[in-house]
């Protein structure tokens, strides 16, 4: 059996906390009424860290799947992997469709559920699962590309995938030209999938790690500066918020490498705790939006200072989501349906 790589558990736990943080600030950061306040500036800065969460999830999956031994045909891969996504996907669409209907004081409708199932889901965070599902369909072919390509060729492929979403934005923002060549040849998040494989299958020297960390900081600083510059009291514009933005690649790569470095000499006891928490993350991802929305409605009447309010939302949402996922994991039929 392959030895468990605890840095992936740390990266996965870090990613879900970043995603929860992002979902807490997202409804407020684009509100013009907050423009220029200390709170808004804090959101713009933290936003860049939080935006590394989803890329980390893709990178972890990319490393694990593209470095795994061949699993037979593409259909063998689908048979093994797709049910693990599809069954919870259907169940959680039912849950969120019923929940949305209850908030609106009406019975859930079958047509609504079916529409949700084929249109990125019944809650805003489900787009990630649908995107991951699409990448899973590509994965058997990506595995063959990875095994038949040199690292240099894979870097070229990564650049090709990144160009329409990440690199073209940089060109059109900073250079006196506008380039509209090449629409995405594949879903842009495939770039993170490839990046996870490239970083996870290579060891880096201290100097190389320092370069990654520096690039992560510089990328975040550039995105923060451009997002502030593009915004005004009339409208909050966040040009570097798109999922494929180059700063997100740089930040996620830095966090991924930092997690591996932090876990090089990790005591086994801490590693096992990380692994146990990591095993709950998929369930946390599914349920956290429901818990976040309910907690926000519960906390709103207290009139808390915004910083306190958001801090409590992050902590309580994370704690309640992990508790829910832990409870579900102890009931095998529920674990199969919901995790």
C-alpha atoms as a PDB file:
ATOM      1  CA  UNK A   1       0.000   0.000   0.000  1.00  0.00           C
ATOM      2  CA  UNK A   2       1.286   3.451  -0.907  1.00  0.00           C
ATOM      3  CA  UNK A   3       2.348   5.510   2.111  1.00  0.00           C
ATOM      4  CA  UNK A   4      -0.117   8.282   2.934  1.00  0.00           C
ATOM      5  CA  UNK A   5       1.171  11.718   1.999  1.00  0.00           C
ATOM      6  CA  UNK A   6       0.080  13.892   4.895  1.00  0.00           C
ATOM      7  CA  UNK A   7       0.853  17.142   3.087  1.00  0.00           C
ATOM      8  CA  UNK A   8      -2.089  16.416   0.793  1.00  0.00           C
ATOM      9  CA  UNK A   9      -4.298  16.113   3.876  1.00  0.00           C
ATOM     10  CA  UNK A  10      -2.974  19.448   5.135  1.00  0.00           C
ATOM     11  CA  UNK A  11      -3.551  21.015   1.710  1.00  0.00           C
ATOM     12  CA  UNK A  12      -7.096  19.613   1.556  1.00  0.00           C
ATOM     13  CA  UNK A  13      -7.991  20.914   5.041  1.00  0.00           C
ATOM     14  CA  UNK A  14      -6.438  24.275   4.213  1.00  0.00           C
ATOM     15  CA  UNK A  15      -8.404  24.415   0.967  1.00  0.00           C
ATOM     16  CA  UNK A  16     -11.795  23.886   2.610  1.00  0.00           C
ATOM     17  CA  UNK A  17     -11.103  26.574   5.221  1.00  0.00           C
ATOM     18  CA  UNK A  18     -10.127  28.990   2.443  1.00  0.00           C
ATOM     19  CA  UNK A  19     -13.308  28.148   0.525  1.00  0.00           C
ATOM     20  CA  UNK A  20     -15.455  28.795   3.606  1.00  0.00           C
ATOM     21  CA  UNK A  21     -13.676  32.115   4.143  1.00  0.00           C
ATOM     22  CA  UNK A  22     -14.275  33.069   0.523  1.00  0.00           C
ATOM     23  CA  UNK A  23     -17.976  32.282   0.746  1.00  0.00           C
ATOM     24  CA  UNK A  24     -18.267  34.390   3.901  1.00  0.00           C
ATOM     25  CA  UNK A  25     -16.775  37.542   2.332  1.00  0.00           C
ATOM     26  CA  UNK A  26     -18.090  37.096  -1.225  1.00  0.00           C
ATOM     27  CA  UNK A  27     -21.536  38.699  -0.720  1.00  0.00           C
ATOM     28  CA  UNK A  28     -19.958  41.813   0.851  1.00  0.00           C
ATOM     29  CA  UNK A  29     -16.737  42.484  -1.052  1.00  0.00           C
ATOM     30  CA  UNK A  30     -18.582  43.647  -4.183  1.00  0.00           C
ATOM     31  CA  UNK A  31     -20.966  45.981  -2.302  1.00  0.00           C
ATOM     32  CA  UNK A  32     -20.104  49.602  -3.246  1.00  0.00           C
ATOM     33  CA  UNK A  33     -21.270  50.877   0.161  1.00  0.00           C
ATOM     34  CA  UNK A  34     -18.188  49.285   1.747  1.00  0.00           C
ATOM     35  CA  UNK A  35     -15.720  50.691  -0.814  1.00  0.00           C
ATOM     36  CA  UNK A  36     -12.641  52.278   0.723  1.00  0.00           C
ATOM     37  CA  UNK A  37     -13.373  51.207   4.306  1.00  0.00           C
ATOM     38  CA  UNK A  38     -10.811  49.295   6.348  1.00  0.00           C
ATOM     39  CA  UNK A  39     -13.100  46.302   6.289  1.00  0.00           C
ATOM     40  CA  UNK A  40     -13.325  46.360   2.495  1.00  0.00           C
ATOM     41  CA  UNK A  41      -9.537  46.629   2.173  1.00  0.00           C
ATOM     42  CA  UNK A  42      -9.176  43.671   4.536  1.00  0.00           C
ATOM     43  CA  UNK A  43     -11.592  41.692   2.350  1.00  0.00           C
ATOM     44  CA  UNK A  44      -9.695  42.562  -0.827  1.00  0.00           C
ATOM     45  CA  UNK A  45      -6.418  41.392   0.742  1.00  0.00           C
ATOM     46  CA  UNK A  46      -7.840  38.190   2.274  1.00  0.00           C
ATOM     47  CA  UNK A  47      -9.737  37.485  -0.941  1.00  0.00           C
ATOM     48  CA  UNK A  48      -6.470  36.589  -2.684  1.00  0.00           C
ATOM     49  CA  UNK A  49      -5.608  34.002  -0.042  1.00  0.00           C
ATOM     50  CA  UNK A  50      -9.129  32.578  -0.020  1.00  0.00           C
ATOM     51  CA  UNK A  51      -9.127  32.252  -3.825  1.00  0.00           C
ATOM     52  CA  UNK A  52      -6.357  29.638  -3.590  1.00  0.00           C
ATOM     53  CA  UNK A  53      -8.788  27.142  -2.028  1.00  0.00           C
ATOM     54  CA  UNK A  54     -10.511  25.807  -5.142  1.00  0.00           C
ATOM     55  CA  UNK A  55      -7.262  25.605  -7.171  1.00  0.00           C
ATOM     56  CA  UNK A  56      -5.771  23.537  -4.333  1.00  0.00           C
ATOM     57  CA  UNK A  57      -8.618  21.044  -4.599  1.00  0.00           C
ATOM     58  CA  UNK A  58      -8.023  20.657  -8.329  1.00  0.00           C
ATOM     59  CA  UNK A  59      -4.253  20.358  -7.800  1.00  0.00           C
ATOM     60  CA  UNK A  60      -4.635  17.633  -5.187  1.00  0.00           C
ATOM     61  CA  UNK A  61      -6.946  15.647  -7.465  1.00  0.00           C
ATOM     62  CA  UNK A  62      -4.608  16.183 -10.420  1.00  0.00           C
ATOM     63  CA  UNK A  63      -1.578  14.908  -8.560  1.00  0.00           C
ATOM     64  CA  UNK A  64      -3.373  11.858  -7.149  1.00  0.00           C
ATOM     65  CA  UNK A  65      -5.047  10.820 -10.392  1.00  0.00           C
ATOM     66  CA  UNK A  66      -2.334  11.600 -12.903  1.00  0.00           C
ATOM     67  CA  UNK A  67       0.397   9.947 -10.832  1.00  0.00           C
ATOM     68  CA  UNK A  68      -1.689   6.846 -10.041  1.00  0.00           C
ATOM     69  CA  UNK A  69      -0.986   3.567 -11.852  1.00  0.00           C
ATOM     70  CA  UNK A  70      -3.031   2.956 -14.984  1.00  0.00           C
ATOM     71  CA  UNK A  71      -6.483   1.622 -14.136  1.00  0.00           C
ATOM     72  CA  UNK A  72      -7.287  -0.123 -17.400  1.00  0.00           C
ATOM     73  CA  UNK A  73      -9.505   1.512 -19.988  1.00  0.00           C
ATOM     74  CA  UNK A  74     -11.238   4.879 -19.773  1.00  0.00           C
ATOM     75  CA  UNK A  75     -14.450   2.990 -19.022  1.00  0.00           C
ATOM     76  CA  UNK A  76     -12.780   1.200 -16.092  1.00  0.00           C
ATOM     77  CA  UNK A  77     -11.796   4.604 -14.727  1.00  0.00           C
ATOM     78  CA  UNK A  78     -15.333   5.954 -15.138  1.00  0.00           C
ATOM     79  CA  UNK A  79     -16.834   2.901 -13.461  1.00  0.00           C
ATOM     80  CA  UNK A  80     -14.566   3.348 -10.446  1.00  0.00           C
ATOM     81  CA  UNK A  81     -14.598   7.144 -10.084  1.00  0.00           C
ATOM     82  CA  UNK A  82     -17.841   8.598 -11.404  1.00  0.00           C
ATOM     83  CA  UNK A  83     -20.268   6.964  -8.916  1.00  0.00           C
ATOM     84  CA  UNK A  84     -18.294   8.556  -6.071  1.00  0.00           C
ATOM     85  CA  UNK A  85     -19.285  11.955  -7.429  1.00  0.00           C
ATOM     86  CA  UNK A  86     -22.650  11.228  -8.994  1.00  0.00           C
ATOM     87  CA  UNK A  87     -24.430   9.678  -6.008  1.00  0.00           C
ATOM     88  CA  UNK A  88     -23.674  12.545  -3.571  1.00  0.00           C
ATOM     89  CA  UNK A  89     -24.328  15.004  -6.402  1.00  0.00           C
ATOM     90  CA  UNK A  90     -27.883  13.728  -6.845  1.00  0.00           C
ATOM     91  CA  UNK A  91     -28.539  13.492  -3.098  1.00  0.00           C
ATOM     92  CA  UNK A  92     -27.278  16.983  -2.308  1.00  0.00           C
ATOM     93  CA  UNK A  93     -29.235  18.457  -5.202  1.00  0.00           C
ATOM     94  CA  UNK A  94     -32.328  16.976  -3.581  1.00  0.00           C
ATOM     95  CA  UNK A  95     -31.325  18.430  -0.197  1.00  0.00           C
ATOM     96  CA  UNK A  96     -30.625  21.936  -1.523  1.00  0.00           C
ATOM     97  CA  UNK A  97     -33.694  21.981  -3.769  1.00  0.00           C
ATOM     98  CA  UNK A  98     -35.901  21.096  -0.792  1.00  0.00           C
ATOM     99  CA  UNK A  99     -34.086  23.628   1.400  1.00  0.00           C
ATOM    100  CA  UNK A 100     -34.494  26.428  -1.142  1.00  0.00           C
ATOM    101  CA  UNK A 101     -38.179  25.610  -1.495  1.00  0.00           C
ATOM    102  CA  UNK A 102     -38.667  25.672   2.281  1.00  0.00           C
ATOM    103  CA  UNK A 103     -37.045  29.121   2.505  1.00  0.00           C
ATOM    104  CA  UNK A 104     -39.539  30.370  -0.062  1.00  0.00           C
ATOM    105  CA  UNK A 105     -42.470  28.726   1.709  1.00  0.00           C
ATOM    106  CA  UNK A 106     -43.432  26.398  -1.131  1.00  0.00           C
ATOM    107  CA  UNK A 107     -43.226  22.667  -1.867  1.00  0.00           C
ATOM    108  CA  UNK A 108     -40.204  21.457  -3.875  1.00  0.00           C
ATOM    109  CA  UNK A 109     -40.847  20.772  -7.547  1.00  0.00           C
ATOM    110  CA  UNK A 110     -39.522  17.786  -9.478  1.00  0.00           C
ATOM    111  CA  UNK A 111     -38.984  19.958 -12.578  1.00  0.00           C
ATOM    112  CA  UNK A 112     -36.854  22.344 -10.517  1.00  0.00           C
ATOM    113  CA  UNK A 113     -34.737  19.444  -9.253  1.00  0.00           C
ATOM    114  CA  UNK A 114     -34.215  18.076 -12.750  1.00  0.00           C
ATOM    115  CA  UNK A 115     -33.294  21.540 -14.053  1.00  0.00           C
ATOM    116  CA  UNK A 116     -30.801  21.936 -11.207  1.00  0.00           C
ATOM    117  CA  UNK A 117     -29.263  18.540 -11.877  1.00  0.00           C
ATOM    118  CA  UNK A 118     -28.362  19.426 -15.454  1.00  0.00           C
ATOM    119  CA  UNK A 119     -27.436  23.071 -14.803  1.00  0.00           C
ATOM    120  CA  UNK A 120     -24.610  23.276 -12.259  1.00  0.00           C
ATOM    121  CA  UNK A 121     -26.719  22.297  -9.271  1.00  0.00           C
ATOM    122  CA  UNK A 122     -29.139  23.759  -6.765  1.00  0.00           C
ATOM    123  CA  UNK A 123     -26.529  25.724  -4.777  1.00  0.00           C
ATOM    124  CA  UNK A 124     -23.838  28.116  -5.963  1.00  0.00           C
ATOM    125  CA  UNK A 125     -20.886  26.042  -4.756  1.00  0.00           C
ATOM    126  CA  UNK A 126     -21.863  22.956  -6.744  1.00  0.00           C
ATOM    127  CA  UNK A 127     -20.246  24.308  -9.920  1.00  0.00           C
ATOM    128  CA  UNK A 128     -16.975  22.889  -8.557  1.00  0.00           C
ATOM    129  CA  UNK A 129     -18.336  19.336  -8.496  1.00  0.00           C
ATOM    130  CA  UNK A 130     -19.743  19.658 -12.017  1.00  0.00           C
ATOM    131  CA  UNK A 131     -16.402  21.003 -13.250  1.00  0.00           C
ATOM    132  CA  UNK A 132     -14.552  18.194 -11.482  1.00  0.00           C
ATOM    133  CA  UNK A 133     -16.937  15.725 -13.108  1.00  0.00           C
ATOM    134  CA  UNK A 134     -16.006  17.114 -16.522  1.00  0.00           C
ATOM    135  CA  UNK A 135     -12.302  16.853 -15.729  1.00  0.00           C
ATOM    136  CA  UNK A 136     -12.833  13.257 -14.592  1.00  0.00           C
ATOM    137  CA  UNK A 137     -14.112  12.519 -18.092  1.00  0.00           C
ATOM    138  CA  UNK A 138     -10.829  13.851 -19.461  1.00  0.00           C
ATOM    139  CA  UNK A 139      -8.578  12.217 -16.871  1.00  0.00           C
ATOM    140  CA  UNK A 140      -7.994   8.805 -18.568  1.00  0.00           C
ATOM    141  CA  UNK A 141      -6.750  10.664 -21.638  1.00  0.00           C
ATOM    142  CA  UNK A 142      -4.698  13.113 -19.570  1.00  0.00           C
ATOM    143  CA  UNK A 143      -3.069  10.106 -17.896  1.00  0.00           C
ATOM    144  CA  UNK A 144      -1.929   8.860 -21.297  1.00  0.00           C
ATOM    145  CA  UNK A 145      -0.615  12.316 -22.209  1.00  0.00           C
ATOM    146  CA  UNK A 146       1.291  12.556 -18.917  1.00  0.00           C
ATOM    147  CA  UNK A 147       2.883   9.116 -19.330  1.00  0.00           C
ATOM    148  CA  UNK A 148       3.919   9.829 -22.908  1.00  0.00           C
ATOM    149  CA  UNK A 149       5.270  13.370 -22.400  1.00  0.00           C
ATOM    150  CA  UNK A 150       8.400  14.882 -20.947  1.00  0.00           C
ATOM    151  CA  UNK A 151       8.156  17.527 -18.220  1.00  0.00           C
ATOM    152  CA  UNK A 152       9.017  20.153 -20.807  1.00  0.00           C
ATOM    153  CA  UNK A 153       6.163  19.043 -23.034  1.00  0.00           C
ATOM    154  CA  UNK A 154       3.779  19.076 -20.074  1.00  0.00           C
ATOM    155  CA  UNK A 155       4.839  22.636 -19.261  1.00  0.00           C
ATOM    156  CA  UNK A 156       4.009  23.611 -22.842  1.00  0.00           C
ATOM    157  CA  UNK A 157       0.609  21.927 -22.474  1.00  0.00           C
ATOM    158  CA  UNK A 158       0.061  23.790 -19.207  1.00  0.00           C
ATOM    159  CA  UNK A 159       0.879  27.083 -20.943  1.00  0.00           C
ATOM    160  CA  UNK A 160      -1.558  26.270 -23.761  1.00  0.00           C
ATOM    161  CA  UNK A 161      -4.332  25.523 -21.273  1.00  0.00           C
ATOM    162  CA  UNK A 162      -3.522  28.641 -19.208  1.00  0.00           C
ATOM    163  CA  UNK A 163      -3.268  31.065 -22.122  1.00  0.00           C
ATOM    164  CA  UNK A 164      -6.960  31.927 -22.763  1.00  0.00           C
ATOM    165  CA  UNK A 165      -7.947  32.278 -19.112  1.00  0.00           C
ATOM    166  CA  UNK A 166      -4.833  33.377 -17.238  1.00  0.00           C
ATOM    167  CA  UNK A 167      -2.106  34.625 -19.563  1.00  0.00           C
ATOM    168  CA  UNK A 168      -4.315  36.477 -22.040  1.00  0.00           C
ATOM    169  CA  UNK A 169      -5.819  38.489 -19.159  1.00  0.00           C
ATOM    170  CA  UNK A 170      -2.342  39.636 -18.115  1.00  0.00           C
ATOM    171  CA  UNK A 171      -1.510  40.669 -21.687  1.00  0.00           C
ATOM    172  CA  UNK A 172      -4.748  42.583 -22.120  1.00  0.00           C
ATOM    173  CA  UNK A 173      -4.379  44.307 -18.747  1.00  0.00           C
ATOM    174  CA  UNK A 174      -0.759  45.394 -18.749  1.00  0.00           C
ATOM    175  CA  UNK A 175       0.239  45.688 -22.416  1.00  0.00           C
ATOM    176  CA  UNK A 176      -1.037  48.275 -24.920  1.00  0.00           C
ATOM    177  CA  UNK A 177      -2.601  45.555 -27.059  1.00  0.00           C
ATOM    178  CA  UNK A 178      -5.679  43.372 -26.809  1.00  0.00           C
ATOM    179  CA  UNK A 179      -5.348  39.716 -27.740  1.00  0.00           C
ATOM    180  CA  UNK A 180      -8.388  37.537 -28.389  1.00  0.00           C
ATOM    181  CA  UNK A 181      -6.726  34.542 -29.993  1.00  0.00           C
ATOM    182  CA  UNK A 182      -7.777  31.066 -28.937  1.00  0.00           C
ATOM    183  CA  UNK A 183     -10.759  30.308 -26.803  1.00  0.00           C
ATOM    184  CA  UNK A 184     -10.197  27.596 -24.168  1.00  0.00           C
ATOM    185  CA  UNK A 185      -9.350  24.287 -25.802  1.00  0.00           C
ATOM    186  CA  UNK A 186     -10.229  22.491 -22.577  1.00  0.00           C
ATOM    187  CA  UNK A 187     -11.885  23.618 -19.360  1.00  0.00           C
ATOM    188  CA  UNK A 188      -9.441  26.109 -17.828  1.00  0.00           C
ATOM    189  CA  UNK A 189      -9.308  24.346 -14.480  1.00  0.00           C
ATOM    190  CA  UNK A 190      -7.453  21.497 -16.178  1.00  0.00           C
ATOM    191  CA  UNK A 191      -4.434  23.758 -15.768  1.00  0.00           C
ATOM    192  CA  UNK A 192      -4.570  23.322 -11.995  1.00  0.00           C
ATOM    193  CA  UNK A 193      -4.945  19.582 -12.504  1.00  0.00           C
ATOM    194  CA  UNK A 194      -1.707  19.504 -14.519  1.00  0.00           C
ATOM    195  CA  UNK A 195       0.041  21.897 -12.129  1.00  0.00           C
ATOM    196  CA  UNK A 196      -0.709  19.640  -9.166  1.00  0.00           C
ATOM    197  CA  UNK A 197       0.878  16.710 -11.004  1.00  0.00           C
ATOM    198  CA  UNK A 198       3.954  18.730 -12.010  1.00  0.00           C
ATOM    199  CA  UNK A 199       4.540  20.050  -8.488  1.00  0.00           C
ATOM    200  CA  UNK A 200       3.658  16.849  -6.658  1.00  0.00           C
ATOM    201  CA  UNK A 201       6.018  14.634  -8.656  1.00  0.00           C
ATOM    202  CA  UNK A 202       9.116  16.756  -8.170  1.00  0.00           C
ATOM    203  CA  UNK A 203      11.233  17.777  -5.201  1.00  0.00           C
ATOM    204  CA  UNK A 204      12.363  21.410  -4.995  1.00  0.00           C
ATOM    205  CA  UNK A 205      15.475  22.899  -3.445  1.00  0.00           C
ATOM    206  CA  UNK A 206      15.283  25.621  -0.817  1.00  0.00           C
ATOM    207  CA  UNK A 207      16.066  28.276  -3.417  1.00  0.00           C
ATOM    208  CA  UNK A 208      13.395  26.981  -5.763  1.00  0.00           C
ATOM    209  CA  UNK A 209      10.811  26.960  -2.962  1.00  0.00           C
ATOM    210  CA  UNK A 210      11.766  30.538  -2.121  1.00  0.00           C
ATOM    211  CA  UNK A 211      11.087  31.494  -5.750  1.00  0.00           C
ATOM    212  CA  UNK A 212       7.629  29.910  -5.594  1.00  0.00           C
ATOM    213  CA  UNK A 213       6.834  31.712  -2.335  1.00  0.00           C
ATOM    214  CA  UNK A 214       8.049  35.032  -3.754  1.00  0.00           C
ATOM    215  CA  UNK A 215       5.977  34.559  -6.910  1.00  0.00           C
ATOM    216  CA  UNK A 216       2.937  33.748  -4.775  1.00  0.00           C
ATOM    217  CA  UNK A 217       3.351  36.946  -2.751  1.00  0.00           C
ATOM    218  CA  UNK A 218       4.029  39.073  -5.849  1.00  0.00           C
ATOM    219  CA  UNK A 219       1.049  37.560  -7.677  1.00  0.00           C
ATOM    220  CA  UNK A 220      -1.246  38.245  -4.737  1.00  0.00           C
ATOM    221  CA  UNK A 221       0.066  41.796  -4.354  1.00  0.00           C
ATOM    222  CA  UNK A 222      -0.446  42.514  -8.067  1.00  0.00           C
ATOM    223  CA  UNK A 223      -4.004  41.162  -7.986  1.00  0.00           C
ATOM    224  CA  UNK A 224      -4.837  43.143  -4.847  1.00  0.00           C
ATOM    225  CA  UNK A 225      -3.463  46.325  -6.371  1.00  0.00           C
ATOM    226  CA  UNK A 226      -5.318  45.893  -9.671  1.00  0.00           C
ATOM    227  CA  UNK A 227      -8.594  44.996  -7.954  1.00  0.00           C
ATOM    228  CA  UNK A 228      -8.379  48.122  -5.784  1.00  0.00           C
ATOM    229  CA  UNK A 229      -7.394  50.297  -8.738  1.00  0.00           C
ATOM    230  CA  UNK A 230     -10.292  49.032 -10.879  1.00  0.00           C
ATOM    231  CA  UNK A 231     -12.903  49.676  -8.168  1.00  0.00           C
ATOM    232  CA  UNK A 232     -14.719  52.865  -7.229  1.00  0.00           C
ATOM    233  CA  UNK A 233     -17.628  53.995  -5.011  1.00  0.00           C
ATOM    234  CA  UNK A 234     -19.893  53.494  -8.021  1.00  0.00           C
ATOM    235  CA  UNK A 235     -18.884  49.921  -8.834  1.00  0.00           C
ATOM    236  CA  UNK A 236     -16.612  47.245  -7.419  1.00  0.00           C
ATOM    237  CA  UNK A 237     -14.664  45.653 -10.251  1.00  0.00           C
ATOM    238  CA  UNK A 238     -12.434  42.682  -9.511  1.00  0.00           C
ATOM    239  CA  UNK A 239     -10.631  41.891 -12.787  1.00  0.00           C
ATOM    240  CA  UNK A 240      -8.431  39.253 -11.146  1.00  0.00           C
ATOM    241  CA  UNK A 241     -11.236  37.344  -9.473  1.00  0.00           C
ATOM    242  CA  UNK A 242     -11.852  34.916 -12.330  1.00  0.00           C
ATOM    243  CA  UNK A 243     -11.006  31.344 -11.444  1.00  0.00           C
ATOM    244  CA  UNK A 244      -8.162  31.023 -13.944  1.00  0.00           C
ATOM    245  CA  UNK A 245      -6.329  34.250 -13.009  1.00  0.00           C
ATOM    246  CA  UNK A 246      -2.551  33.893 -13.000  1.00  0.00           C
ATOM    247  CA  UNK A 247      -2.191  35.134  -9.377  1.00  0.00           C
ATOM    248  CA  UNK A 248      -4.379  32.218  -8.257  1.00  0.00           C
ATOM    249  CA  UNK A 249      -1.977  29.794  -9.968  1.00  0.00           C
ATOM    250  CA  UNK A 250       0.976  31.426  -8.223  1.00  0.00           C
ATOM    251  CA  UNK A 251      -0.670  31.559  -4.788  1.00  0.00           C
ATOM    252  CA  UNK A 252      -1.992  27.995  -4.966  1.00  0.00           C
ATOM    253  CA  UNK A 253       1.405  26.681  -6.087  1.00  0.00           C
ATOM    254  CA  UNK A 254       3.090  28.429  -3.143  1.00  0.00           C
ATOM    255  CA  UNK A 255       0.587  26.993  -0.646  1.00  0.00           C
ATOM    256  CA  UNK A 256       0.865  23.494  -2.156  1.00  0.00           C
ATOM    257  CA  UNK A 257       4.662  23.528  -1.837  1.00  0.00           C
ATOM    258  CA  UNK A 258       4.494  25.032   1.667  1.00  0.00           C
ATOM    259  CA  UNK A 259       2.162  22.248   2.812  1.00  0.00           C
ATOM    260  CA  UNK A 260       4.597  19.596   1.589  1.00  0.00           C
ATOM    261  CA  UNK A 261       7.511  21.315   3.299  1.00  0.00           C
ATOM    262  CA  UNK A 262       5.625  21.665   6.585  1.00  0.00           C
ATOM    263  CA  UNK A 263       4.826  17.946   6.619  1.00  0.00           C
ATOM    264  CA  UNK A 264       8.328  16.623   5.909  1.00  0.00           C
ATOM    265  CA  UNK A 265       8.973  15.778   9.564  1.00  0.00           C
ATOM    266  CA  UNK A 266       5.418  15.688  10.831  1.00  0.00           C
ATOM    267  CA  UNK A 267       4.855  13.496  13.930  1.00  0.00           C
ATOM    268  CA  UNK A 268       2.752  10.501  13.009  1.00  0.00           C
ATOM    269  CA  UNK A 269       0.095  11.372  15.578  1.00  0.00           C
ATOM    270  CA  UNK A 270      -0.511  14.788  14.034  1.00  0.00           C
ATOM    271  CA  UNK A 271      -0.477  13.194  10.601  1.00  0.00           C
ATOM    272  CA  UNK A 272      -3.237  10.807  11.600  1.00  0.00           C
ATOM    273  CA  UNK A 273      -5.339  13.680  12.941  1.00  0.00           C
ATOM    274  CA  UNK A 274      -4.842  15.542   9.656  1.00  0.00           C
ATOM    275  CA  UNK A 275      -5.783  12.428   7.707  1.00  0.00           C
ATOM    276  CA  UNK A 276      -8.963  11.953   9.749  1.00  0.00           C
ATOM    277  CA  UNK A 277      -9.969  15.586   9.207  1.00  0.00           C
ATOM    278  CA  UNK A 278      -9.085  15.350   5.521  1.00  0.00           C
ATOM    279  CA  UNK A 279     -11.394  12.362   5.070  1.00  0.00           C
ATOM    280  CA  UNK A 280     -14.300  14.581   6.173  1.00  0.00           C
ATOM    281  CA  UNK A 281     -13.602  17.462   3.785  1.00  0.00           C
ATOM    282  CA  UNK A 282     -15.806  16.260   0.930  1.00  0.00           C
ATOM    283  CA  UNK A 283     -18.793  16.170   3.261  1.00  0.00           C
ATOM    284  CA  UNK A 284     -17.851  19.594   4.617  1.00  0.00           C
ATOM    285  CA  UNK A 285     -17.792  20.981   1.087  1.00  0.00           C
ATOM    286  CA  UNK A 286     -21.297  19.718   0.381  1.00  0.00           C
ATOM    287  CA  UNK A 287     -22.953  20.964   3.567  1.00  0.00           C
ATOM    288  CA  UNK A 288     -21.097  24.177   4.441  1.00  0.00           C
ATOM    289  CA  UNK A 289     -23.213  26.511   2.278  1.00  0.00           C
ATOM    290  CA  UNK A 290     -26.432  25.369   3.946  1.00  0.00           C
ATOM    291  CA  UNK A 291     -24.882  25.808   7.402  1.00  0.00           C
ATOM    292  CA  UNK A 292     -23.355  29.173   6.457  1.00  0.00           C
ATOM    293  CA  UNK A 293     -26.684  30.555   5.244  1.00  0.00           C
ATOM    294  CA  UNK A 294     -28.537  29.351   8.341  1.00  0.00           C
ATOM    295  CA  UNK A 295     -25.880  30.757  10.690  1.00  0.00           C
ATOM    296  CA  UNK A 296     -25.877  34.116   8.921  1.00  0.00           C
ATOM    297  CA  UNK A 297     -29.642  34.375   9.429  1.00  0.00           C
ATOM    298  CA  UNK A 298     -29.204  33.456  13.076  1.00  0.00           C
ATOM    299  CA  UNK A 299     -26.388  35.968  13.695  1.00  0.00           C
ATOM    300  CA  UNK A 300     -27.830  38.903  11.723  1.00  0.00           C
ATOM    301  CA  UNK A 301     -30.183  40.167  14.465  1.00  0.00           C
ATOM    302  CA  UNK A 302     -27.329  40.532  16.973  1.00  0.00           C
ATOM    303  CA  UNK A 303     -25.879  43.560  15.166  1.00  0.00           C
ATOM    304  CA  UNK A 304     -22.281  42.417  15.638  1.00  0.00           C
ATOM    305  CA  UNK A 305     -19.308  44.370  14.340  1.00  0.00           C
ATOM    306  CA  UNK A 306     -18.625  43.157  10.808  1.00  0.00           C
ATOM    307  CA  UNK A 307     -15.190  41.711  11.673  1.00  0.00           C
ATOM    308  CA  UNK A 308     -16.621  39.783  14.634  1.00  0.00           C
ATOM    309  CA  UNK A 309     -19.617  38.660  12.577  1.00  0.00           C
ATOM    310  CA  UNK A 310     -17.449  37.281   9.770  1.00  0.00           C
ATOM    311  CA  UNK A 311     -14.967  35.658  12.114  1.00  0.00           C
ATOM    312  CA  UNK A 312     -17.788  33.868  13.905  1.00  0.00           C
ATOM    313  CA  UNK A 313     -19.317  32.798  10.606  1.00  0.00           C
ATOM    314  CA  UNK A 314     -16.060  31.206   9.454  1.00  0.00           C
ATOM    315  CA  UNK A 315     -15.386  29.449  12.767  1.00  0.00           C
ATOM    316  CA  UNK A 316     -18.937  28.265  13.399  1.00  0.00           C
ATOM    317  CA  UNK A 317     -19.496  27.169   9.799  1.00  0.00           C
ATOM    318  CA  UNK A 318     -16.258  25.181   9.759  1.00  0.00           C
ATOM    319  CA  UNK A 319     -16.924  23.601  13.168  1.00  0.00           C
ATOM    320  CA  UNK A 320     -20.549  22.694  12.425  1.00  0.00           C
ATOM    321  CA  UNK A 321     -19.706  21.371   8.948  1.00  0.00           C
ATOM    322  CA  UNK A 322     -16.934  19.131  10.245  1.00  0.00           C
ATOM    323  CA  UNK A 323     -19.206  17.923  13.066  1.00  0.00           C
ATOM    324  CA  UNK A 324     -21.938  17.089  10.555  1.00  0.00           C
ATOM    325  CA  UNK A 325     -19.493  15.309   8.264  1.00  0.00           C
ATOM    326  CA  UNK A 326     -18.056  13.336  11.186  1.00  0.00           C
ATOM    327  CA  UNK A 327     -21.525  12.206  12.271  1.00  0.00           C
ATOM    328  CA  UNK A 328     -22.459  11.183   8.718  1.00  0.00           C
ATOM    329  CA  UNK A 329     -19.175   9.282   8.320  1.00  0.00           C
ATOM    330  CA  UNK A 330     -20.184   7.002  11.203  1.00  0.00           C
ATOM    331  CA  UNK A 331     -23.345   5.817   9.426  1.00  0.00           C
ATOM    332  CA  UNK A 332     -22.278   3.799   6.412  1.00  0.00           C
ATOM    333  CA  UNK A 333     -25.416   4.233   4.243  1.00  0.00           C
ATOM    334  CA  UNK A 334     -25.378   8.004   4.836  1.00  0.00           C
ATOM    335  CA  UNK A 335     -21.636   8.175   4.170  1.00  0.00           C
ATOM    336  CA  UNK A 336     -22.164   6.522   0.807  1.00  0.00           C
ATOM    337  CA  UNK A 337     -25.010   8.880  -0.117  1.00  0.00           C
ATOM    338  CA  UNK A 338     -23.622  12.185   1.187  1.00  0.00           C
ATOM    339  CA  UNK A 339     -19.817  11.893   1.111  1.00  0.00           C
END
